[in-house]
Amino acid sequence: MSTRVRLIKLPDSNKRVSEKAGTVHILELSSGRFLEVYSQPVMDGAAIGRVWSFHDITDSRRAQTELKEHKERLRRGQMYANIGTWEWHIQSGKLYWTEQIAPLFGYARSEEIAPSYDLFIQAVHPEDREGLNAAIRATIENDAPYEYEHRVIWPDGQVRWLLERGAVLRDAQGAPLQMIGVVQDIDARKRAELALVEREHELLEAQRLAHIGSWQLNLLNRERAWSDEVFRILGYQPGEVTPCDTVLKARIHPEDRGRLSVSMRHTQTQGTHDVIPSYS
C-alpha cells in the first residue's frame, strides 16, 4: 500500500526517501522547488533493487498555493463587505453559494444548509416574491439586467433587506444554462432611505394641514423646486406646471412684484428672504 509523506527543507545533496515498497514522497528542496518522488522495488523472487522516478511539480504546487490564497482573499473580502456569490443551474435547479450567503439569510456559518432555489424563495418576504420572480424571468427570457432589492425573513423572524445582482450564461444556441450573481446586505442603507421617505411624507402632510409650502431656487440656473403645497397655494395641482420665474410672477399681484424682486436680490447678498406678496 502506498504511503505519502512530506519532507520539508531537505538539502539538495540529501534527498532521503523511505525504503518502503511503492512509496510516493513530496520533497521540498532548499531551493524552494518541489519534487514528487516515486520508488518501486525490482523483484526477482526477492528484492534485487529499486526503481526511482522524480517529477518536478513546482509549478502545480505554486498554482495550488496561489489558488488557495486567492480563495481566502475572496472569502475575507466577501465577509468584510457582507457580500456572497451564488450560481444557479437553471435546468437542474441546483444552487451553489459561498459561505457568506448563509448569514445573509439568518443561518450560522456552522449550520449545514443545503442550498436550493425553493429554500431561497421561501426565505423571501411574501410581498416581494412576485416582483423577484418577474425580475428573474425578465433576465432569463429577455436578458434584462438583474438587479432587485427585496426583504428576507430570517428563521428567528427578523426581516432584512438584500440586494441581488446577476446575469444569465447561455449555450451556443442562446438557451439559458445558469444564472450567476451576488447578494449584498443593504439593510442599514435601506432602512435609512425608508426613514427619510417617511419623514418627507410627514413633512408634506404637515405642510398640507398648515397650508405651508417649501421651495428651492438654484441661483446659477434659476431652476426651482416646489413642494406640493406651493402648487396648491398658487392655484395649481401638484406637478400641473413646471416651477419657474414666469409661472410664479404670473401669480404675484402686480403691485407686489417689485418688492419680491428686491427681496430676491437681497437674498443673494444677505442670505435672507422675507416678503409677503399677494397672489392673484
Protein backbone atom coordinates (compact mmCIF):
# COMPACT_ATOMS: atom_id res chain seq x y z
CA MET A 1 0.00 0.00 0.00
CA SER A 2 1.42 3.42 -0.96
CA THR A 3 2.42 5.79 1.79
CA ARG A 4 2.58 9.56 1.19
CA VAL A 5 4.95 11.63 3.29
CA ARG A 6 6.25 15.18 3.04
CA LEU A 7 9.84 16.05 3.90
CA ILE A 8 10.48 19.77 4.12
CA LYS A 9 13.66 21.75 3.52
CA LEU A 10 15.99 18.84 2.83
CA PRO A 11 19.38 19.89 1.45
CA ASP A 12 19.68 19.25 -2.30
CA SER A 13 22.51 16.79 -1.65
CA ASN A 14 20.47 14.78 0.85
CA LYS A 15 17.33 13.63 -1.00
CA ARG A 16 16.36 10.96 1.56
CA VAL A 17 13.42 8.65 0.81
CA SER A 18 11.73 5.80 2.64
CA GLU A 19 12.73 2.24 1.92
CA LYS A 20 9.10 1.06 1.94
CA ALA A 21 7.78 -0.51 -1.24
CA GLY A 22 5.64 1.53 -3.59
CA THR A 23 6.13 4.86 -1.84
CA VAL A 24 5.33 8.37 -3.10
CA HIS A 25 7.09 11.29 -1.44
CA ILE A 26 6.68 15.03 -1.84
CA LEU A 27 10.00 16.76 -1.22
CA GLU A 28 10.52 20.49 -0.83
CA LEU A 29 14.14 21.27 -1.64
CA SER A 30 16.13 24.05 -0.06
CA SER A 31 15.97 25.81 -3.42
CA GLY A 32 12.21 26.09 -2.99
CA ARG A 33 11.32 23.58 -5.69
CA PHE A 34 9.02 20.60 -5.15
CA LEU A 35 9.64 17.04 -6.33
CA GLU A 36 7.28 14.12 -6.38
CA VAL A 37 9.42 11.01 -5.81
CA TYR A 38 8.16 7.53 -6.58
CA SER A 39 10.06 4.39 -5.76
CA GLN A 40 9.21 0.78 -6.57
CA PRO A 41 11.25 -2.34 -5.73
CA VAL A 42 12.53 -4.58 -8.52
CA MET A 43 11.55 -8.12 -7.64
CA ASP A 44 13.05 -11.43 -8.74
CA GLY A 45 11.65 -13.63 -6.03
CA ALA A 46 13.26 -11.21 -3.65
CA ALA A 47 14.00 -7.55 -3.95
CA ILE A 48 17.12 -7.11 -6.06
CA GLY A 49 16.90 -3.31 -6.40
CA ARG A 50 14.64 -0.28 -6.64
CA VAL A 51 13.44 1.97 -9.45
CA TRP A 52 13.16 5.67 -8.71
CA SER A 53 11.35 8.41 -10.59
CA PHE A 54 11.47 12.14 -9.90
CA HIS A 55 8.81 14.55 -11.16
CA ASP A 56 9.16 18.32 -10.76
CA ILE A 57 5.75 19.57 -9.56
CA THR A 58 6.85 23.06 -8.54
CA ASP A 59 4.55 24.90 -10.94
CA SER A 60 1.47 22.90 -9.98
CA ARG A 61 2.20 23.30 -6.27
CA ARG A 62 2.63 27.03 -6.65
CA ALA A 63 -0.60 27.22 -8.66
CA GLN A 64 -2.40 25.32 -5.89
CA THR A 65 -0.98 27.68 -3.27
CA GLU A 66 -1.97 30.76 -5.28
CA LEU A 67 -5.48 29.38 -5.81
CA LYS A 68 -5.83 28.69 -2.09
CA GLU A 69 -4.63 32.21 -1.24
CA HIS A 70 -6.98 33.71 -3.83
CA LYS A 71 -9.95 31.82 -2.36
CA GLU A 72 -9.02 33.01 1.11
CA ARG A 73 -8.78 36.64 -0.05
CA LEU A 74 -12.16 36.27 -1.75
CA ARG A 75 -13.66 34.76 1.40
CA ARG A 76 -12.35 37.57 3.59
CA GLY A 77 -13.42 40.24 1.11
CA GLN A 78 -16.95 38.88 0.95
CA MET A 79 -17.11 38.64 4.72
CA TYR A 80 -15.94 42.24 5.24
CA ALA A 81 -18.28 43.60 2.53
CA ASN A 82 -21.18 41.40 3.64
CA ILE A 83 -21.49 40.04 0.10
CA GLY A 84 -21.96 36.49 -1.12
CA THR A 85 -21.84 34.97 -4.60
CA TRP A 86 -24.18 32.33 -5.99
CA GLU A 87 -24.60 30.12 -9.02
CA TRP A 88 -27.96 28.66 -10.07
CA HIS A 89 -28.08 25.87 -12.65
CA ILE A 90 -31.39 26.55 -14.34
CA GLN A 91 -32.00 23.14 -15.91
CA SER A 92 -31.22 21.04 -12.84
CA GLY A 93 -32.33 23.60 -10.28
CA LYS A 94 -29.13 23.13 -8.29
CA LEU A 95 -27.97 26.19 -6.38
CA TYR A 96 -24.47 26.83 -5.08
CA TRP A 97 -23.41 29.72 -2.87
CA THR A 98 -20.39 30.91 -0.92
CA GLU A 99 -20.28 30.62 2.85
CA GLN A 100 -21.13 34.30 3.39
CA ILE A 101 -24.63 33.90 1.94
CA ALA A 102 -25.89 31.70 4.79
CA PRO A 103 -25.58 34.53 7.39
CA LEU A 104 -27.37 36.90 4.97
CA PHE A 105 -30.38 34.59 5.24
CA GLY A 106 -30.12 34.26 9.02
CA TYR A 107 -28.18 30.99 9.28
CA ALA A 108 -24.94 30.45 11.17
CA ARG A 109 -21.89 29.62 9.06
CA SER A 110 -21.54 26.41 11.03
CA GLU A 111 -25.02 25.20 10.08
CA GLU A 112 -25.27 22.52 7.42
CA ILE A 113 -27.56 24.21 4.89
CA ALA A 114 -28.30 22.57 1.55
CA PRO A 115 -28.79 25.50 -0.85
CA SER A 116 -31.78 25.21 -3.17
CA TYR A 117 -33.96 27.54 -5.21
CA ASP A 118 -37.00 26.56 -3.13
CA LEU A 119 -35.15 27.41 0.10
CA PHE A 120 -34.21 30.79 -1.39
CA ILE A 121 -37.76 31.64 -2.49
CA GLN A 122 -39.23 30.54 0.85
CA ALA A 123 -36.90 32.95 2.64
CA VAL A 124 -38.02 35.91 0.51
CA HIS A 125 -40.74 38.09 2.05
CA PRO A 126 -44.14 37.04 0.61
CA GLU A 127 -44.82 40.60 -0.59
CA ASP A 128 -41.59 40.62 -2.60
CA ARG A 129 -41.74 37.17 -4.23
CA GLU A 130 -43.85 38.13 -7.24
CA GLY A 131 -41.56 41.04 -8.14
CA LEU A 132 -38.46 38.90 -7.64
CA ASN A 133 -39.80 36.11 -9.85
CA ALA A 134 -40.72 38.67 -12.52
CA ALA A 135 -37.17 40.10 -12.42
CA ILE A 136 -35.70 36.61 -12.79
CA ARG A 137 -37.99 35.77 -15.72
CA ALA A 138 -37.11 39.03 -17.45
CA THR A 139 -33.42 38.24 -17.12
CA ILE A 140 -33.76 34.68 -18.42
CA GLU A 141 -36.19 35.46 -21.24
CA ASN A 142 -35.02 38.92 -22.33
CA ASP A 143 -31.52 39.35 -20.89
CA ALA A 144 -32.81 42.25 -18.82
CA PRO A 145 -30.30 43.40 -16.17
CA TYR A 146 -30.95 41.50 -12.96
CA GLU A 147 -30.92 43.90 -10.03
CA TYR A 148 -33.56 43.63 -7.36
CA GLU A 149 -33.93 44.76 -3.75
CA HIS A 150 -36.05 42.53 -1.56
CA ARG A 151 -36.69 41.51 2.00
CA VAL A 152 -35.95 38.14 3.56
CA ILE A 153 -37.38 36.68 6.72
CA TRP A 154 -34.79 35.03 8.95
CA PRO A 155 -35.57 31.82 10.84
CA ASP A 156 -35.84 33.88 14.05
CA GLY A 157 -38.41 36.21 12.46
CA GLN A 158 -36.16 39.18 11.69
CA VAL A 159 -36.81 40.98 8.40
CA ARG A 160 -33.72 42.13 6.49
CA TRP A 161 -33.12 43.86 3.16
CA LEU A 162 -30.87 42.34 0.48
CA LEU A 163 -29.75 43.43 -2.98
CA GLU A 164 -29.43 40.85 -5.77
CA ARG A 165 -27.42 41.37 -8.96
CA GLY A 166 -26.76 38.77 -11.63
CA ALA A 167 -26.68 37.66 -15.24
CA VAL A 168 -27.53 34.61 -17.37
CA LEU A 169 -24.98 32.34 -19.03
CA ARG A 170 -26.18 30.72 -22.27
CA ASP A 171 -25.06 27.98 -24.64
CA ALA A 172 -24.12 28.48 -28.29
CA GLN A 173 -27.80 28.40 -29.31
CA GLY A 174 -28.76 31.02 -26.73
CA ALA A 175 -30.51 28.65 -24.34
CA PRO A 176 -30.12 29.69 -20.68
CA LEU A 177 -27.80 27.42 -18.73
CA GLN A 178 -27.28 29.16 -15.41
CA MET A 179 -27.51 32.42 -13.54
CA ILE A 180 -24.60 33.78 -11.55
CA GLY A 181 -24.65 36.74 -9.28
CA VAL A 182 -24.04 38.38 -5.94
CA VAL A 183 -26.24 39.17 -2.96
CA GLN A 184 -25.44 42.00 -0.57
CA ASP A 185 -26.78 43.09 2.81
CA ILE A 186 -28.28 46.58 2.37
CA ASP A 187 -30.44 46.56 5.49
CA ALA A 188 -28.95 49.63 7.18
CA ARG A 189 -28.94 51.70 4.00
CA LYS A 190 -32.47 50.66 3.01
CA ARG A 191 -33.91 51.41 6.43
CA ALA A 192 -32.29 54.85 6.37
CA GLU A 193 -33.83 55.50 2.94
CA LEU A 194 -37.26 54.39 4.09
CA ALA A 195 -37.00 56.54 7.22
CA LEU A 196 -36.12 59.54 5.05
CA VAL A 197 -39.08 58.89 2.77
CA GLU A 198 -41.34 58.63 5.81
CA ARG A 199 -40.04 61.94 7.21
CA GLU A 200 -40.57 63.63 3.85
CA HIS A 201 -44.11 62.27 3.74
CA GLU A 202 -44.78 63.56 7.25
CA LEU A 203 -43.38 66.98 6.28
CA LEU A 204 -45.60 67.18 3.20
CA GLU A 205 -48.62 66.17 5.25
CA ALA A 206 -47.80 68.80 7.88
CA GLN A 207 -47.45 71.43 5.15
CA ARG A 208 -50.80 70.42 3.69
CA LEU A 209 -52.54 70.68 7.05
CA ALA A 210 -50.90 74.04 7.90
CA HIS A 211 -51.21 75.35 4.35
CA ILE A 212 -47.44 75.98 4.26
CA GLY A 213 -45.22 75.23 1.27
CA SER A 214 -41.46 74.97 0.81
CA TRP A 215 -39.35 75.73 -2.23
CA GLN A 216 -35.78 75.76 -3.51
CA LEU A 217 -34.14 78.01 -6.08
CA ASN A 218 -30.84 77.28 -7.84
CA LEU A 219 -29.27 80.75 -8.24
CA LEU A 220 -26.97 79.54 -11.01
CA ASN A 221 -29.53 78.12 -13.44
CA ARG A 222 -32.73 79.58 -11.89
CA GLU A 223 -34.29 76.12 -11.57
CA ARG A 224 -36.96 75.92 -8.90
CA ALA A 225 -38.38 73.06 -6.88
CA TRP A 226 -41.73 73.40 -5.10
CA SER A 227 -43.42 71.22 -2.54
CA ASP A 228 -46.94 70.06 -3.34
CA GLU A 229 -48.43 72.73 -1.11
CA VAL A 230 -46.70 75.55 -3.03
CA PHE A 231 -48.53 74.39 -6.16
CA ARG A 232 -51.82 74.47 -4.25
CA ILE A 233 -51.14 77.92 -2.77
CA LEU A 234 -50.56 79.23 -6.29
CA GLY A 235 -53.75 77.61 -7.51
CA TYR A 236 -52.30 74.59 -9.30
CA GLN A 237 -52.42 70.86 -8.77
CA PRO A 238 -49.04 69.39 -7.79
CA GLY A 239 -46.99 68.89 -10.96
CA GLU A 240 -49.50 70.73 -13.17
CA VAL A 241 -46.91 73.32 -14.23
CA THR A 242 -43.12 73.48 -14.23
CA PRO A 243 -41.83 75.70 -11.40
CA CYS A 244 -40.18 78.79 -12.89
CA ASP A 245 -39.96 82.57 -12.51
CA THR A 246 -42.59 83.15 -15.21
CA VAL A 247 -45.21 80.95 -13.54
CA LEU A 248 -44.51 82.47 -10.13
CA LYS A 249 -44.64 86.09 -11.31
CA ALA A 250 -47.87 85.42 -13.16
CA ARG A 251 -49.48 84.61 -9.82
CA ILE A 252 -47.99 87.57 -7.90
CA HIS A 253 -50.11 90.71 -7.68
CA PRO A 254 -48.57 93.39 -9.97
CA GLU A 255 -48.14 95.81 -7.03
CA ASP A 256 -46.05 93.23 -5.14
CA ARG A 257 -43.73 92.05 -7.92
CA GLY A 258 -41.24 94.84 -7.32
CA ARG A 259 -40.96 94.05 -3.59
CA LEU A 260 -40.50 90.40 -4.42
CA SER A 261 -37.66 91.16 -6.86
CA VAL A 262 -35.94 93.38 -4.30
CA SER A 263 -36.21 90.68 -1.65
CA MET A 264 -34.77 88.05 -4.01
CA ARG A 265 -31.74 90.27 -4.74
CA HIS A 266 -31.32 90.81 -1.03
CA THR A 267 -31.28 87.04 -0.58
CA GLN A 268 -28.25 86.68 -2.86
CA THR A 269 -26.22 89.16 -0.81
CA GLN A 270 -27.58 88.75 2.72
CA GLY A 271 -28.92 85.20 2.70
CA THR A 272 -32.44 86.04 3.90
CA HIS A 273 -35.72 86.37 2.04
CA ASP A 274 -38.78 87.78 3.79
CA VAL A 275 -41.63 89.27 1.84
CA ILE A 276 -45.40 88.88 2.00
CA PRO A 277 -46.78 89.25 -1.53
CA SER A 278 -50.36 88.96 -2.64
CA TYR A 279 -51.27 86.19 -5.09
CA SER A 280 -53.82 86.52 -7.83
